[in-house]
Protein backbone atom coordinates (compact mmCIF):
# COMPACT_ATOMS: atom_id res chain seq x y z
CA MET A 1 72.93 128.87 97.08
CA ASN A 2 73.81 124.97 96.86
CA ASP A 3 77.58 124.47 97.17
CA PRO A 4 78.51 120.98 96.01
CA LEU A 5 81.85 121.03 97.36
CA LYS A 6 80.62 121.95 100.79
CA ALA A 7 77.81 119.33 100.59
CA LEU A 8 80.64 116.64 99.83
CA LEU A 9 82.72 117.92 102.80
CA ASP A 10 79.89 118.11 105.23
CA ALA A 11 78.86 114.57 104.35
CA GLY A 12 82.42 113.34 104.91
CA VAL A 13 82.87 112.02 101.47
CA LEU A 14 86.03 114.13 100.93
CA ASN A 15 88.68 113.54 103.61
CA ILE A 16 90.72 116.84 104.10
CA SER A 17 92.83 116.48 107.27
CA LYS A 18 94.19 119.45 109.17
CA PHE A 19 96.68 117.06 110.65
CA PRO A 20 100.14 115.94 108.88
CA GLU A 21 100.32 112.61 107.39
CA ASN A 22 102.54 111.43 110.25
CA SER A 23 100.06 112.50 113.02
CA ARG A 24 97.90 109.83 114.64
CA TYR A 25 94.97 112.16 113.98
CA HIS A 26 95.53 112.44 110.24
CA GLY A 27 92.30 111.31 108.66
CA VAL A 28 90.30 111.74 111.82
CA SER A 29 87.13 113.77 111.10
CA ILE A 30 86.72 117.08 112.72
CA THR A 31 83.00 117.93 113.56
CA THR A 32 81.09 120.45 115.56
CA LEU A 33 78.59 120.53 118.28
CA ALA A 34 75.83 123.03 117.82
CA GLN A 35 74.65 124.79 121.00
CA SER A 36 71.69 127.09 121.34
CA ASN A 37 72.72 130.71 121.90
CA GLN A 38 76.43 129.83 121.91
CA GLU A 39 79.22 129.37 119.29
CA PRO A 40 79.40 125.84 117.90
CA ILE A 41 82.46 123.76 119.35
CA ALA A 42 84.59 121.93 117.09
CA TYR A 43 86.16 118.77 118.19
CA LEU A 44 87.83 115.58 116.66
CA LYS A 45 85.70 112.51 116.36
CA ARG A 46 87.05 109.47 118.33
CA ARG A 47 90.19 107.68 116.97
CA LEU A 48 89.84 103.91 117.82
CA VAL A 49 93.08 102.42 118.74
CA PRO A 50 93.63 99.21 116.59
CA SER A 51 94.21 95.86 117.79
CA PRO A 52 97.87 94.74 117.66
CA GLU A 53 96.76 91.75 115.64
CA ARG A 54 96.01 94.28 112.77
CA PHE A 55 99.64 94.82 112.23
CA ALA A 56 102.37 92.60 110.47
CA VAL A 57 105.57 92.35 112.37
CA ILE A 58 108.62 92.77 110.29
CA GLN A 59 111.05 92.59 113.17
CA GLU A 60 111.55 93.12 116.76
CA HIS A 61 113.79 95.36 118.81
CA THR A 62 115.29 94.35 122.23
CA VAL A 63 115.19 97.19 124.62
CA VAL A 64 118.54 98.38 125.99
CA GLU A 65 119.25 101.01 128.60
CA GLY A 66 118.72 104.51 127.30
CA ASP A 67 116.22 103.54 124.50
CA ARG A 68 113.64 106.13 123.77
CA VAL A 69 110.50 105.53 121.67
CA ASP A 70 111.12 108.56 119.49
CA ASN A 71 114.61 107.38 118.66
CA LEU A 72 113.21 103.88 117.84
CA ALA A 73 110.55 105.44 115.65
CA ALA A 74 113.42 107.43 113.85
CA GLN A 75 115.51 104.35 113.44
CA TYR A 76 113.04 101.87 112.21
CA LEU A 77 110.24 104.00 110.77
CA GLY A 78 112.29 107.05 109.52
CA ASP A 79 110.49 109.75 111.54
CA PRO A 80 110.52 110.25 115.39
CA GLU A 81 107.00 111.67 115.23
CA LEU A 82 105.69 108.19 114.19
CA TYR A 83 106.28 106.82 117.82
CA TRP A 84 102.43 106.39 118.00
CA ARG A 85 102.57 103.65 115.37
CA LEU A 86 104.96 101.55 117.73
CA CYS A 87 102.61 102.36 120.68
CA ASP A 88 99.61 101.23 118.48
CA ALA A 89 101.31 98.07 117.28
CA ASN A 90 102.41 97.06 120.68
CA GLY A 91 99.22 97.68 122.57
CA VAL A 92 100.46 100.47 124.79
CA MET A 93 98.85 103.78 125.85
CA ARG A 94 101.81 105.39 127.36
CA PRO A 95 104.82 105.68 124.93
CA ASP A 96 107.32 105.19 127.96
CA GLU A 97 105.92 101.72 128.39
CA LEU A 98 107.74 100.47 125.26
CA THR A 99 111.22 101.29 126.76
CA GLU A 100 110.90 101.06 130.41
CA ILE A 101 112.02 97.52 131.02
CA THR A 102 115.42 96.57 129.56
CA GLY A 103 115.23 93.24 127.71
CA ASP A 104 111.63 93.83 126.68
CA ARG A 105 110.89 93.31 123.03
CA VAL A 106 109.10 95.98 120.74
CA ALA A 107 107.35 94.78 117.64
CA ILE A 108 108.39 96.89 114.60
CA THR A 109 105.45 96.61 111.98
CA LEU A 110 104.10 97.63 108.88
CA PRO A 111 101.35 100.19 109.05
CA GLU A 112 98.01 99.05 110.24
CA GLY A 113 96.22 96.78 107.65
CA VAL A 114 99.14 96.43 105.50
CA PRO A 115 99.64 92.63 105.14
CA GLY A 116 103.00 91.05 105.67
CA GLU A 117 104.63 88.02 104.00
CA SER A 118 102.97 85.55 106.25
CA ASP A 119 99.47 87.32 106.13
CA GLY A 120 98.87 85.95 102.59
């Protein structure tokens, strides 16, 4: 029996994510690895970290003693679980890198690909 919905899902035309919208993995496809004589293994396709140039800076935060990346995400982005957006926009892999040096500046940006005022 041909199932058109399953065909669309299998082809990746419809994007249904098992991750919430505030997750860095929202929209990342889940696929399976078929193995002979074994159960298939489900895995996430690779999430490519965007280049910081893809983000429009709207303001900067100067790090002070005691700052935490989750608190900065809550303050500037409205959700502490969006800390990964600050990491992506500032080109860091470890979240603690953003706040470990007092006086460093953290770029607060629009989401990836959303143009800012100076982007035309």
